[in-house]
Amino acid sequence: MFKRYEFRLFIRLILLFAILFAAAWLLVKEYFLYTGFLLPILAYQFYDLYQLLNKAQNEVKEFAESIHYRDFSRHFNVKHAPAELQPLREGFNEINSTFKVISREKETQYVYLQKILELVDTGILSYKTDTGEIVWMNESFKRMMGIPYLKTIHSLEKRDEGLYKEAINIKTGESKLATATTDKTSFKVLLSATAFQTDDQTFKLIAFQNVNEALDENEAEAWRKLLSVMTHEIMNSVAPISSLAETLKNRLHQSVEHLQNKEGSVDDLALGIETIQRRSEGLLKFAETYRNLNKITTLNSKKILVRDLFENLNQLMLPTLEQKKIELDIILKDPAVTLVADINLLEQVLINLLVNAIEAVKDKPDPQIILTATTTTTGKTVIKISDNGSGMSAEILDKIFIPFFSTRKNGSGIGLSLCKQIMLLHKGNIRVQSKEGEGSSFILVF
C-alpha cells in the first residue's frame, strides 16, 4: 500500500496540513520560538512535495519527447525508479509496447501493399494535385513507359504529350482509353483515376493498364468471324458461277460447228466465258487462302532452344540471302534461352518476317537484317527482327496487321495477319517499331 503513488501523495498532504495547522495554532498562541522550529520542517515538506511532482512531470516530459520523435524503442527502468514513479513508468512502457506493435503492423502492411503494387502489371503513379510532385510510382509504370524517374507529373509532357494531356485531365472515378508512345512504338492504355486527402494535402492516383493485348485478341476474333462469313458467302456464290462457266464453255465447243462465227463473235463469246471461269476460280482460291486463317486453332507446343531455331532458320534462308547479297546478323548473348512454342508455326512466323525484311532492304546499298533473342527480367522471351530498309509511315503502321492489307503489288495481305494470330495463340504478342527511311523492327514477346 505504501508503494502506491496516490497513497504517498496523500500522506504528504496530510502531514503538510498538520504542520500548517500546528504552525498557525502556535502563531495564534504567540509561541514564536516553537513556530521557528516548525518552519524548517514545513520547508522540507514543501520541497519534498515539489520534488515528487517535478519527478512525475519530468517523466511525462521524457515520455512525450519519445512519442514526438516516434522513439517507441525507449524503455523506462522500473526496477531502479522511486517507488512512487514505478507505476508511471510501467504505464509508459506498456504504451510504448503498444505503439511499437502498431508501428510494426503498419510498416508490414505498407511493405506488403508496396510489394503487391510492384508485382501487378498495371502501372500506378501518385502525385500532389497542387504542385504535381510525384509521390510514388511502381516498377510496372517505369517499364511500361521506359521512364526510370519522374520528378513531377508535368515531366511526362516532354516524353509523351498526348498521354500527359489525357492523364492530367482525367477526372476522379473516370476511366478512358488513351495511346501511349515509347521510342518508336505505341500501345493502348486504359487510364483510371482516384483522389484522396491526408494532412490537408490532396493526392491523385492514376492507374495505367496496358490493354493492347486484350484489344488485339478482340480484334483478331472479330476478323476471324468476318473472314469466316466472307469466305463462306464468296465460295457459295462463286462456285456455281465457275461451274456454270465450265458448262457453257463445253456447250459452246460442242455447238461451234453449227454457229456462224461472223466477225469473230463466237471467239469473243468463248473468250468471255473463259475469263468468267478463270476469275471465278481465282476468287475461289482467294477465299480458300483466307479460310486458312481460321484453321489454326491448336498448338503442338514444346520447349525449344532459340539457338536451334535460329540455326535452322539461317540454313533455310541462307541461299536467298547470299543470292541477294544481304547480311544476316544473329545475336544471341545467352545460348541457353528457351521458350515453349509450336516450332512449325513459329518458323512460319519468322520466315514471313524475314521475307518481308528482305523485301524492305532490297534497294539499300548495304542491306542488313539483325535477328536477336533475349530474356526479360520478368521471365519473358523476346525475339526481334530488325532491318535497315525503307521503313513505314505511321499511317501504314496502323494497318499492317489487317487482313487483305499489303504494301506490295503482288502481296496477299495474309502474312502479318497470320503471324499475329499465331502469336495470340501462343498467349504472346507481336509489336512493330518503324521509322520511314530508317528501317523496321518486329518484336515477338512470349
Protein backbone atom coordinates (compact mmCIF):
# COMPACT_ATOMS: atom_id res chain seq x y z
CA MET A 1 0.00 0.00 0.00
CA PHE A 2 2.89 2.33 0.84
CA LYS A 3 4.34 1.95 -2.69
CA ARG A 4 1.26 3.37 -4.32
CA TYR A 5 1.78 6.85 -5.72
CA GLU A 6 -1.61 8.13 -4.60
CA PHE A 7 -1.09 6.92 -1.02
CA ARG A 8 2.34 8.55 -0.70
CA LEU A 9 0.96 11.81 -2.06
CA PHE A 10 -1.99 11.61 0.35
CA ILE A 11 0.37 11.08 3.36
CA ARG A 12 2.47 14.09 2.31
CA LEU A 13 -0.59 16.30 2.01
CA ILE A 14 -1.90 15.18 5.45
CA LEU A 15 1.49 15.87 7.07
CA LEU A 16 1.73 19.23 5.32
CA PHE A 17 -1.76 20.15 6.50
CA ALA A 18 -0.93 19.03 10.07
CA ILE A 19 2.29 21.11 10.20
CA LEU A 20 0.50 24.15 8.78
CA PHE A 21 -2.29 23.72 11.30
CA ALA A 22 0.24 23.41 14.17
CA ALA A 23 2.21 26.45 12.97
CA ALA A 24 -0.97 28.53 12.70
CA TRP A 25 -2.05 27.45 16.21
CA LEU A 26 1.39 28.35 17.67
CA LEU A 27 1.29 31.75 15.97
CA VAL A 28 -2.13 32.45 17.40
CA LYS A 29 -0.87 31.45 20.85
CA GLU A 30 2.24 33.57 20.22
CA TYR A 31 4.62 30.69 20.77
CA PHE A 32 7.05 32.15 18.27
CA LEU A 33 10.02 30.05 19.42
CA TYR A 34 8.20 26.80 18.74
CA THR A 35 6.93 28.18 15.48
CA GLY A 36 10.55 28.73 14.41
CA PHE A 37 11.28 25.03 14.96
CA LEU A 38 8.39 24.07 12.65
CA LEU A 39 9.49 26.31 9.75
CA PRO A 40 12.41 24.03 8.56
CA ILE A 41 10.08 21.03 8.75
CA LEU A 42 7.49 22.94 6.75
CA ALA A 43 10.11 23.98 4.15
CA TYR A 44 11.29 20.38 3.83
CA GLN A 45 7.74 19.18 3.28
CA PHE A 46 7.18 21.79 0.55
CA TYR A 47 10.48 20.79 -1.08
CA ASP A 48 9.64 17.07 -0.84
CA LEU A 49 6.20 17.63 -2.41
CA TYR A 50 7.76 19.76 -5.14
CA GLN A 51 10.34 17.04 -5.89
CA LEU A 52 7.64 14.39 -6.08
CA LEU A 53 5.55 16.38 -8.55
CA ASN A 54 8.60 17.55 -10.51
CA LYS A 55 9.85 13.97 -10.97
CA ALA A 56 6.48 12.91 -12.32
CA GLN A 57 6.42 15.93 -14.63
CA ASN A 58 9.92 15.15 -15.94
CA GLU A 59 8.93 11.54 -16.56
CA VAL A 60 5.88 12.68 -18.54
CA LYS A 61 8.06 15.18 -20.46
CA GLU A 62 10.55 12.47 -21.42
CA PHE A 63 7.74 10.17 -22.49
CA ALA A 64 6.13 12.92 -24.60
CA GLU A 65 9.52 13.56 -26.25
CA SER A 66 9.92 9.89 -27.16
CA ILE A 67 6.40 9.88 -28.65
CA HIS A 68 7.14 13.08 -30.59
CA TYR A 69 10.21 11.51 -32.22
CA ARG A 70 8.47 8.13 -32.60
CA ASP A 71 11.13 6.51 -30.42
CA PHE A 72 8.99 3.60 -29.32
CA SER A 73 12.06 1.51 -28.56
CA ARG A 74 12.76 3.54 -25.41
CA HIS A 75 12.44 1.59 -22.16
CA PHE A 76 11.79 3.24 -18.80
CA ASN A 77 13.63 1.47 -15.97
CA VAL A 78 11.03 0.43 -13.41
CA LYS A 79 13.22 -1.50 -11.01
CA HIS A 80 15.55 1.37 -10.13
CA ALA A 81 12.88 4.06 -10.13
CA PRO A 82 11.50 5.67 -6.96
CA ALA A 83 8.55 3.69 -5.62
CA GLU A 84 6.08 6.47 -6.42
CA LEU A 85 7.22 6.57 -10.10
CA GLN A 86 7.27 2.84 -10.77
CA PRO A 87 3.55 2.59 -11.75
CA LEU A 88 4.02 5.62 -14.04
CA ARG A 89 6.99 4.03 -15.79
CA GLU A 90 5.18 0.73 -16.14
CA GLY A 91 2.34 2.59 -17.87
CA PHE A 92 4.79 4.35 -20.20
CA ASN A 93 6.42 1.02 -21.13
CA GLU A 94 3.04 -0.52 -21.88
CA ILE A 95 2.08 2.42 -24.10
CA ASN A 96 5.44 2.24 -25.92
CA SER A 97 5.00 -1.50 -26.45
CA THR A 98 1.53 -0.93 -27.90
CA PHE A 99 2.78 1.81 -30.21
CA LYS A 100 5.67 -0.42 -31.26
CA VAL A 101 3.27 -3.21 -32.22
CA ILE A 102 1.01 -0.78 -34.12
CA SER A 103 4.01 0.76 -35.90
CA ARG A 104 5.34 -2.66 -36.87
CA GLU A 105 1.93 -3.74 -38.17
CA LYS A 106 1.61 -0.55 -40.23
CA GLU A 107 5.12 -0.99 -41.62
CA THR A 108 4.37 -4.62 -42.52
CA GLN A 109 1.11 -3.60 -44.20
CA TYR A 110 2.91 -0.84 -46.14
CA VAL A 111 5.68 -3.18 -47.33
CA TYR A 112 3.09 -5.85 -48.18
CA LEU A 113 1.00 -3.37 -50.17
CA GLN A 114 4.08 -1.99 -51.90
CA LYS A 115 5.19 -5.47 -52.94
CA ILE A 116 1.72 -6.21 -54.33
CA LEU A 117 1.74 -2.97 -56.33
CA GLU A 118 5.20 -3.83 -57.67
CA LEU A 119 4.01 -7.26 -58.85
CA VAL A 120 0.92 -6.13 -60.76
CA ASP A 121 1.22 -5.40 -64.48
CA THR A 122 -0.75 -2.17 -64.11
CA GLY A 123 1.35 0.99 -63.95
CA ILE A 124 0.49 3.23 -60.98
CA LEU A 125 1.64 6.71 -60.03
CA SER A 126 0.53 9.19 -57.38
CA TYR A 127 1.18 12.93 -57.28
CA LYS A 128 0.26 16.05 -55.32
CA THR A 129 -2.53 17.91 -57.10
CA ASP A 130 -1.31 21.38 -56.15
CA THR A 131 2.37 21.04 -57.16
CA GLY A 132 2.29 18.00 -59.44
CA GLU A 133 5.14 16.43 -57.45
CA ILE A 134 5.34 12.65 -57.96
CA VAL A 135 4.97 10.91 -54.60
CA TRP A 136 5.28 7.32 -55.79
CA MET A 137 5.25 5.21 -58.95
CA ASN A 138 5.68 1.47 -59.30
CA GLU A 139 8.12 -0.54 -61.42
CA SER A 140 5.38 -1.57 -63.86
CA PHE A 141 4.83 2.07 -64.84
CA LYS A 142 8.59 2.59 -65.28
CA ARG A 143 8.89 -0.49 -67.51
CA MET A 144 5.72 0.31 -69.46
CA MET A 145 6.79 3.85 -70.29
CA GLY A 146 10.56 3.31 -70.28
CA ILE A 147 10.90 6.03 -67.65
CA PRO A 148 13.33 5.47 -64.74
CA TYR A 149 12.32 8.63 -62.85
CA LEU A 150 9.79 11.46 -62.92
CA LYS A 151 10.02 14.47 -60.61
CA THR A 152 6.59 15.86 -61.43
CA ILE A 153 3.61 14.75 -63.49
CA HIS A 154 4.39 17.66 -65.83
CA SER A 155 7.70 15.97 -66.77
CA LEU A 156 5.62 13.37 -68.61
CA GLU A 157 4.70 16.04 -71.19
CA LYS A 158 8.23 16.01 -72.67
CA ARG A 159 8.12 12.23 -73.12
CA ASP A 160 4.52 11.75 -74.32
CA GLU A 161 2.48 14.91 -74.74
CA GLY A 162 -0.72 13.11 -75.75
CA LEU A 163 -0.67 10.75 -72.76
CA TYR A 164 0.19 13.65 -70.41
CA LYS A 165 -2.88 15.63 -71.52
CA GLU A 166 -5.13 12.61 -71.04
CA ALA A 167 -3.65 11.87 -67.60
CA ILE A 168 -3.77 15.45 -66.32
CA ASN A 169 -7.37 15.97 -67.50
CA ILE A 170 -8.86 12.70 -66.33
CA LYS A 171 -11.41 13.18 -63.55
CA THR A 172 -11.70 11.20 -60.33
CA GLY A 173 -13.65 7.99 -60.83
CA GLU A 174 -13.37 8.28 -64.61
CA SER A 175 -11.81 5.73 -67.00
CA LYS A 176 -10.69 6.48 -70.53
CA LEU A 177 -8.70 4.86 -73.33
CA ALA A 178 -5.50 6.60 -74.43
CA THR A 179 -2.47 5.92 -76.60
CA ALA A 180 0.99 5.71 -75.03
CA THR A 181 4.13 6.15 -77.14
CA THR A 182 7.62 4.93 -76.27
CA ASP A 183 10.55 5.26 -78.66
CA LYS A 184 9.10 4.07 -81.97
CA THR A 185 6.15 2.01 -80.75
CA SER A 186 2.72 2.87 -79.39
CA PHE A 187 0.08 0.94 -77.48
CA LYS A 188 -3.34 1.44 -75.93
CA VAL A 189 -3.68 2.07 -72.19
CA LEU A 190 -6.77 2.31 -70.02
CA LEU A 191 -6.47 5.24 -67.58
CA SER A 192 -8.33 5.19 -64.25
CA ALA A 193 -8.08 7.90 -61.60
CA THR A 194 -8.95 8.42 -57.96
CA ALA A 195 -8.08 11.03 -55.32
CA PHE A 196 -7.51 11.04 -51.57
CA GLN A 197 -6.60 13.56 -48.90
CA THR A 198 -4.24 13.33 -45.89
CA ASP A 199 -2.98 16.14 -43.64
CA ASP A 200 -4.74 18.82 -45.70
CA GLN A 201 -2.85 17.60 -48.80
CA THR A 202 -4.74 16.22 -51.83
CA PHE A 203 -3.24 13.44 -53.92
CA LYS A 204 -4.30 12.00 -57.26
CA LEU A 205 -3.61 8.38 -58.14
CA ILE A 206 -3.69 7.20 -61.77
CA ALA A 207 -3.57 3.60 -62.99
CA PHE A 208 -2.19 2.84 -66.47
CA GLN A 209 -3.36 -0.55 -67.73
CA ASN A 210 -1.91 -1.86 -70.99
CA VAL A 211 -4.93 -3.19 -72.89
CA ASN A 212 -3.19 -3.66 -76.22
CA GLU A 213 -3.19 -7.45 -75.95
CA ALA A 214 -6.87 -7.59 -74.97
CA LEU A 215 -7.79 -5.28 -77.85
CA ASP A 216 -5.65 -7.36 -80.22
CA GLU A 217 -7.44 -10.55 -79.18
CA ASN A 218 -10.87 -8.94 -79.62
CA GLU A 219 -9.83 -7.50 -82.97
CA ALA A 220 -8.42 -10.85 -84.14
CA GLU A 221 -11.61 -12.63 -83.08
CA ALA A 222 -13.71 -10.08 -84.97
CA TRP A 223 -11.60 -10.56 -88.10
CA ARG A 224 -11.89 -14.35 -87.81
CA LYS A 225 -15.67 -14.11 -87.67
CA LEU A 226 -15.74 -11.69 -90.60
CA LEU A 227 -13.42 -13.88 -92.69
CA SER A 228 -15.50 -16.94 -91.91
CA VAL A 229 -18.66 -15.24 -93.14
CA MET A 230 -16.95 -13.71 -96.18
CA THR A 231 -15.24 -16.90 -97.36
CA HIS A 232 -18.44 -18.88 -96.85
CA GLU A 233 -20.52 -16.40 -98.86
CA ILE A 234 -17.88 -15.99 -101.59
CA MET A 235 -17.44 -19.72 -102.09
CA ASN A 236 -21.19 -20.40 -102.07
CA SER A 237 -21.80 -17.63 -104.61
CA VAL A 238 -18.80 -18.10 -106.89
CA ALA A 239 -18.69 -21.92 -107.07
CA PRO A 240 -21.94 -22.14 -109.13
CA ILE A 241 -20.68 -19.37 -111.44
CA SER A 242 -17.46 -21.27 -112.07
CA SER A 243 -19.36 -24.48 -112.68
CA LEU A 244 -21.83 -22.75 -115.00
CA ALA A 245 -18.98 -21.12 -116.95
CA GLU A 246 -17.35 -24.53 -117.43
CA THR A 247 -20.66 -25.97 -118.68
CA LEU A 248 -21.20 -23.06 -121.09
CA LYS A 249 -17.65 -23.42 -122.39
CA ASN A 250 -18.19 -27.12 -123.14
CA ARG A 251 -21.56 -26.49 -124.76
CA LEU A 252 -20.04 -23.75 -126.91
CA HIS A 253 -17.29 -26.08 -128.12
CA GLN A 254 -19.90 -28.70 -129.00
CA SER A 255 -22.04 -26.20 -130.91
CA VAL A 256 -19.30 -24.25 -132.67
CA GLU A 257 -19.79 -26.20 -135.94
CA HIS A 258 -23.42 -25.08 -136.15
CA LEU A 259 -22.74 -21.41 -135.34
CA GLN A 260 -21.77 -18.70 -137.75
CA ASN A 261 -18.60 -17.04 -136.49
CA LYS A 262 -19.28 -13.70 -138.13
CA GLU A 263 -16.64 -11.11 -137.27
CA GLY A 264 -15.33 -13.47 -134.54
CA SER A 265 -18.46 -13.26 -132.35
CA VAL A 266 -18.15 -16.91 -131.29
CA ASP A 267 -14.48 -16.40 -130.42
CA ASP A 268 -15.42 -13.36 -128.34
CA LEU A 269 -18.09 -15.39 -126.56
CA ALA A 270 -15.61 -18.20 -125.85
CA LEU A 271 -13.06 -15.71 -124.52
CA GLY A 272 -15.68 -14.08 -122.26
CA ILE A 273 -16.80 -17.41 -120.81
CA GLU A 274 -13.17 -18.43 -120.25
CA THR A 275 -12.47 -15.11 -118.48
CA ILE A 276 -15.50 -15.61 -116.21
CA GLN A 277 -14.31 -19.12 -115.39
CA ARG A 278 -10.74 -18.01 -114.69
CA ARG A 279 -11.77 -15.14 -112.42
CA SER A 280 -14.25 -17.37 -110.60
CA GLU A 281 -11.53 -19.92 -109.92
CA GLY A 282 -9.26 -17.08 -108.77
CA LEU A 283 -11.90 -15.89 -106.30
CA LEU A 284 -12.35 -19.44 -105.02
CA LYS A 285 -8.59 -19.77 -104.42
CA PHE A 286 -8.59 -16.34 -102.76
CA ALA A 287 -11.38 -17.38 -100.39
CA GLU A 288 -9.69 -20.71 -99.66
CA THR A 289 -6.46 -18.90 -98.80
CA TYR A 290 -8.15 -16.70 -96.21
CA ARG A 291 -10.09 -19.63 -94.84
CA ASN A 292 -6.69 -20.90 -93.65
CA LEU A 293 -6.57 -18.03 -91.17
CA ASN A 294 -9.34 -19.70 -89.21
CA LYS A 295 -7.95 -23.23 -89.41
CA ILE A 296 -5.12 -22.70 -86.89
CA THR A 297 -6.75 -23.24 -83.50
CA THR A 298 -4.46 -25.61 -81.58
CA LEU A 299 -0.74 -25.72 -80.83
CA ASN A 300 1.73 -28.57 -80.62
CA SER A 301 3.88 -26.77 -78.05
CA LYS A 302 7.15 -27.98 -76.58
CA LYS A 303 10.25 -26.47 -75.02
CA ILE A 304 12.75 -25.42 -77.69
CA LEU A 305 16.17 -23.79 -77.71
CA VAL A 306 16.12 -20.46 -79.54
CA ARG A 307 19.66 -21.25 -80.69
CA ASP A 308 18.43 -24.32 -82.63
CA LEU A 309 15.53 -22.31 -84.05
CA PHE A 310 17.91 -19.63 -85.35
CA GLU A 311 20.30 -22.21 -86.84
CA ASN A 312 17.50 -23.89 -88.79
CA LEU A 313 16.22 -20.53 -89.97
CA ASN A 314 19.69 -19.44 -91.09
CA GLN A 315 20.23 -22.63 -93.12
CA LEU A 316 16.82 -22.28 -94.74
CA MET A 317 17.22 -18.61 -95.71
CA LEU A 318 20.96 -18.60 -96.49
CA PRO A 319 20.66 -19.28 -100.27
CA THR A 320 18.20 -16.40 -100.71
CA LEU A 321 20.31 -14.06 -98.57
CA GLU A 322 23.52 -14.89 -100.46
CA GLN A 323 21.80 -14.52 -103.80
CA LYS A 324 20.56 -11.05 -102.90
CA LYS A 325 23.79 -10.17 -101.03
CA ILE A 326 22.00 -9.40 -97.79
CA GLU A 327 23.83 -9.71 -94.47
CA LEU A 328 22.01 -11.53 -91.64
CA ASP A 329 23.46 -10.96 -88.15
CA ILE A 330 22.29 -13.35 -85.43
CA ILE A 331 22.89 -12.07 -81.88
CA LEU A 332 22.26 -14.47 -79.01
CA LYS A 333 24.12 -13.46 -75.84
CA ASP A 334 22.71 -16.36 -73.85
CA PRO A 335 22.77 -19.64 -75.84
CA ALA A 336 20.51 -21.25 -73.20
CA VAL A 337 17.48 -19.05 -73.99
CA THR A 338 14.41 -21.25 -74.36
CA LEU A 339 10.70 -20.84 -74.98
CA VAL A 340 7.63 -23.05 -75.16
CA ALA A 341 6.06 -22.89 -78.62
CA ASP A 342 4.87 -24.77 -81.67
CA ILE A 343 8.12 -24.87 -83.64
CA ASN A 344 6.43 -25.30 -87.05
CA LEU A 345 4.14 -22.31 -86.58
CA LEU A 346 6.92 -20.22 -85.05
CA GLU A 347 9.21 -20.95 -88.02
CA GLN A 348 6.39 -19.84 -90.31
CA VAL A 349 6.16 -16.53 -88.41
CA LEU A 350 9.93 -15.93 -88.58
CA ILE A 351 10.10 -16.87 -92.27
CA ASN A 352 7.28 -14.41 -93.05
CA LEU A 353 9.06 -11.64 -91.16
CA LEU A 354 12.43 -12.40 -92.77
CA VAL A 355 10.87 -12.43 -96.26
CA ASN A 356 9.33 -9.01 -95.50
CA ALA A 357 12.69 -7.73 -94.21
CA ILE A 358 14.44 -9.00 -97.37
CA GLU A 359 11.89 -7.14 -99.48
CA ALA A 360 12.38 -3.97 -97.39
CA VAL A 361 16.20 -3.87 -97.76
CA LYS A 362 16.50 -4.98 -101.39
CA ASP A 363 17.15 -1.43 -102.66
CA LYS A 364 19.61 -0.48 -99.92
CA PRO A 365 23.33 -0.22 -100.77
CA ASP A 366 24.30 -2.01 -97.53
CA PRO A 367 21.31 -4.27 -96.73
CA GLN A 368 21.34 -5.71 -93.21
CA ILE A 369 18.96 -7.80 -91.12
CA ILE A 370 19.53 -8.47 -87.40
CA LEU A 371 17.95 -11.36 -85.52
CA THR A 372 18.18 -11.28 -81.71
CA ALA A 373 16.70 -13.07 -78.70
CA THR A 374 16.75 -12.06 -75.03
CA THR A 375 15.03 -12.87 -71.76
CA THR A 376 13.48 -10.01 -69.78
CA THR A 377 13.67 -9.55 -66.01
CA THR A 378 10.06 -10.75 -65.80
CA GLY A 379 10.92 -14.06 -67.49
CA LYS A 380 9.53 -13.28 -70.95
CA THR A 381 11.40 -14.36 -74.09
CA VAL A 382 11.71 -11.66 -76.75
CA ILE A 383 12.70 -12.29 -80.39
CA LYS A 384 13.46 -9.25 -82.52
CA ILE A 385 13.86 -9.00 -86.31
CA SER A 386 15.31 -5.63 -87.37
CA ASP A 387 16.27 -4.26 -90.79
CA ASN A 388 17.71 -1.05 -92.20
CA GLY A 389 15.19 -0.95 -95.02
CA SER A 390 12.70 1.62 -96.20
CA GLY A 391 10.63 1.67 -93.01
CA MET A 392 6.94 2.50 -92.79
CA SER A 393 4.85 5.61 -92.24
CA ALA A 394 2.55 5.97 -89.23
CA GLU A 395 -0.47 5.51 -91.48
CA ILE A 396 0.80 2.14 -92.76
CA LEU A 397 1.80 1.00 -89.26
CA ASP A 398 -1.83 1.19 -88.16
CA LYS A 399 -2.91 -1.17 -90.97
CA ILE A 400 -0.19 -3.77 -91.42
CA PHE A 401 -1.90 -6.46 -89.29
CA ILE A 402 -5.29 -6.02 -91.01
CA PRO A 403 -6.18 -8.97 -93.28
CA PHE A 404 -6.11 -8.17 -97.05
CA PHE A 405 -3.84 -5.15 -96.49
CA SER A 406 -0.49 -5.21 -98.29
CA THR A 407 2.01 -2.60 -99.44
CA ARG A 408 3.39 -4.94 -102.12
CA LYS A 409 1.77 -5.07 -105.54
CA ASN A 410 1.56 -8.86 -105.56
CA GLY A 411 1.10 -9.27 -101.80
CA SER A 412 -1.87 -11.19 -100.45
CA GLY A 413 -2.07 -9.34 -97.12
CA ILE A 414 -2.23 -12.64 -95.24
CA GLY A 415 1.34 -12.93 -93.88
CA LEU A 416 1.31 -10.50 -90.96
CA SER A 417 -2.30 -11.33 -90.09
CA LEU A 418 -1.27 -14.97 -89.81
CA CYS A 419 1.79 -14.01 -87.71
CA LYS A 420 -0.39 -12.08 -85.30
CA GLN A 421 -2.90 -14.91 -84.95
CA ILE A 422 -0.10 -17.41 -84.26
CA MET A 423 1.39 -15.15 -81.58
CA LEU A 424 -2.01 -14.71 -79.93
CA LEU A 425 -2.42 -18.49 -79.87
CA HIS A 426 0.91 -18.62 -78.01
CA LYS A 427 -0.50 -16.12 -75.47
CA GLY A 428 2.13 -13.68 -76.70
CA ASN A 429 2.05 -10.61 -78.90
CA ILE A 430 3.78 -9.03 -81.86
CA ARG A 431 4.79 -5.36 -81.94
CA VAL A 432 6.39 -3.23 -84.59
CA GLN A 433 8.72 -0.25 -84.40
CA SER A 434 9.42 1.63 -87.60
CA LYS A 435 10.54 4.96 -88.94
CA GLU A 436 10.18 5.84 -92.59
CA GLY A 437 13.54 5.72 -94.35
CA GLU A 438 15.40 4.21 -91.37
CA GLY A 439 14.08 0.64 -91.08
CA SER A 440 11.74 -1.51 -89.06
CA SER A 441 11.80 -3.91 -86.11
CA PHE A 442 9.25 -6.64 -85.43
CA ILE A 443 9.23 -7.81 -81.80
CA LEU A 444 7.78 -11.15 -80.71
CA VAL A 445 7.08 -11.41 -76.98
CA PHE A 446 6.39 -14.86 -75.47
